C-alpha cells in the first residue's frame, strides 16, 4: 500500500517506491495547494510512479477541502485526465 508523506520542511509530498522517492513540490496557503512540480528519479520514470503520487495527492486535497493550482505541466495534465480530481483545479 502506498503511503503519502508530507515533508513540510522540504515543502514536498513524497512517495517511496522500490527504494526511490518520487515527490511533488508545493506551496499551501488559505486552502489552496499549488503544485510547483512533480519529479520522479530516473529509475522510476515511465513506471507510473508520478501518477501514483498524484492519485494520493489528489485524494489528500479532496479530503482536506483544498483547491489545487497545478503549475507543473505534468500535474495539470494528470488532473485534467482524472475526472475524480478535475474539480479541484482552480
Protein backbone atom coordinates (compact mmCIF):
# COMPACT_ATOMS: atom_id res chain seq x y z
CA UNK A 1 0.00 0.00 0.00
CA UNK A 2 1.30 3.44 -0.95
CA UNK A 3 1.74 6.00 1.81
CA UNK A 4 1.91 9.71 1.04
CA UNK A 5 4.34 11.62 3.25
CA UNK A 6 4.14 15.39 3.78
CA UNK A 7 7.71 16.58 4.18
CA UNK A 8 6.84 20.10 5.33
CA UNK A 9 10.47 21.03 5.94
CA UNK A 10 11.23 20.44 2.24
CA UNK A 11 7.82 21.68 1.05
CA UNK A 12 7.03 18.48 -0.77
CA UNK A 13 4.82 15.45 -0.73
CA UNK A 14 6.77 12.23 -1.13
CA UNK A 15 6.11 8.63 -2.04
CA UNK A 16 8.73 5.90 -1.65
CA UNK A 17 8.75 3.21 -4.32
CA UNK A 18 11.39 0.50 -4.63
CA UNK A 19 13.91 2.44 -2.55
CA UNK A 20 13.44 5.65 -4.58
CA UNK A 21 11.35 8.73 -3.83
CA UNK A 22 9.00 10.50 -6.21
CA UNK A 23 7.92 13.94 -4.99
CA UNK A 24 5.71 16.93 -5.64
CA UNK A 25 6.94 20.34 -4.51
CA UNK A 26 4.16 22.52 -3.21
CA UNK A 27 3.02 25.72 -1.54
CA UNK A 28 -0.06 25.63 0.62
CA UNK A 29 -1.93 28.75 1.74
CA UNK A 30 -5.54 29.62 2.58
CA UNK A 31 -6.94 26.28 1.42
CA UNK A 32 -5.07 26.35 -1.89
CA UNK A 33 -2.42 23.78 -2.77
CA UNK A 34 -0.09 24.96 -5.53
CA UNK A 35 1.81 22.08 -7.11
CA UNK A 36 5.03 23.60 -8.38
CA UNK A 37 6.50 20.47 -9.93
CA UNK A 38 6.43 16.70 -9.81
CA UNK A 39 9.61 14.70 -10.18
CA UNK A 40 10.50 11.04 -10.29
CA UNK A 41 14.08 9.77 -10.15
CA UNK A 42 15.35 8.26 -13.43
CA UNK A 43 14.86 4.70 -12.16
CA UNK A 44 11.11 5.34 -11.69
CA UNK A 45 10.38 7.33 -14.85
CA UNK A 46 7.88 5.64 -17.10
CA UNK A 47 6.77 3.29 -14.32
CA UNK A 48 3.62 5.17 -13.30
CA UNK A 49 5.21 6.34 -10.04
CA UNK A 50 4.34 10.01 -10.57
CA UNK A 51 0.74 9.03 -11.32
CA UNK A 52 0.57 7.04 -8.10
CA UNK A 53 1.84 10.09 -6.22
CA UNK A 54 -0.71 12.35 -7.91
CA UNK A 55 -3.57 10.00 -7.07
CA UNK A 56 -2.62 10.10 -3.39
CA UNK A 57 -2.10 13.86 -3.53
CA UNK A 58 -5.49 14.36 -5.19
CA UNK A 59 -7.18 12.25 -2.53
CA UNK A 60 -5.44 14.26 0.20
CA UNK A 61 -6.50 17.58 -1.35
CA UNK A 62 -10.08 16.36 -1.69
CA UNK A 63 -10.25 15.07 1.89
CA UNK A 64 -8.88 18.38 3.22
CA UNK A 65 -11.19 20.50 1.05
CA UNK A 66 -8.28 22.18 -0.73
CA UNK A 67 -8.37 23.74 -4.18
CA UNK A 68 -5.40 22.98 -6.44
CA UNK A 69 -3.32 25.18 -8.72
CA UNK A 70 -1.13 22.90 -10.88
CA UNK A 71 1.81 25.00 -12.08
CA UNK A 72 3.63 21.83 -13.15
CA UNK A 73 2.64 20.70 -16.64
CA UNK A 74 2.58 17.04 -15.60
CA UNK A 75 0.31 17.76 -12.61
CA UNK A 76 -2.02 19.89 -14.76
CA UNK A 77 -2.31 17.18 -17.43
CA UNK A 78 -2.83 14.44 -14.84
CA UNK A 79 -5.59 16.40 -13.10
CA UNK A 80 -7.30 17.18 -16.43
CA UNK A 81 -7.35 13.46 -17.26
CA UNK A 82 -8.69 12.44 -13.83
CA UNK A 83 -12.45 13.00 -13.55
CA UNK A 84 -12.46 12.31 -9.80
CA UNK A 85 -9.98 15.14 -9.13
CA UNK A 86 -10.55 17.55 -12.03
CA UNK A 87 -12.97 19.63 -9.94
CA UNK A 88 -10.18 20.55 -7.51
CA UNK A 89 -8.40 22.72 -10.07
CA UNK A 90 -8.81 26.48 -9.98
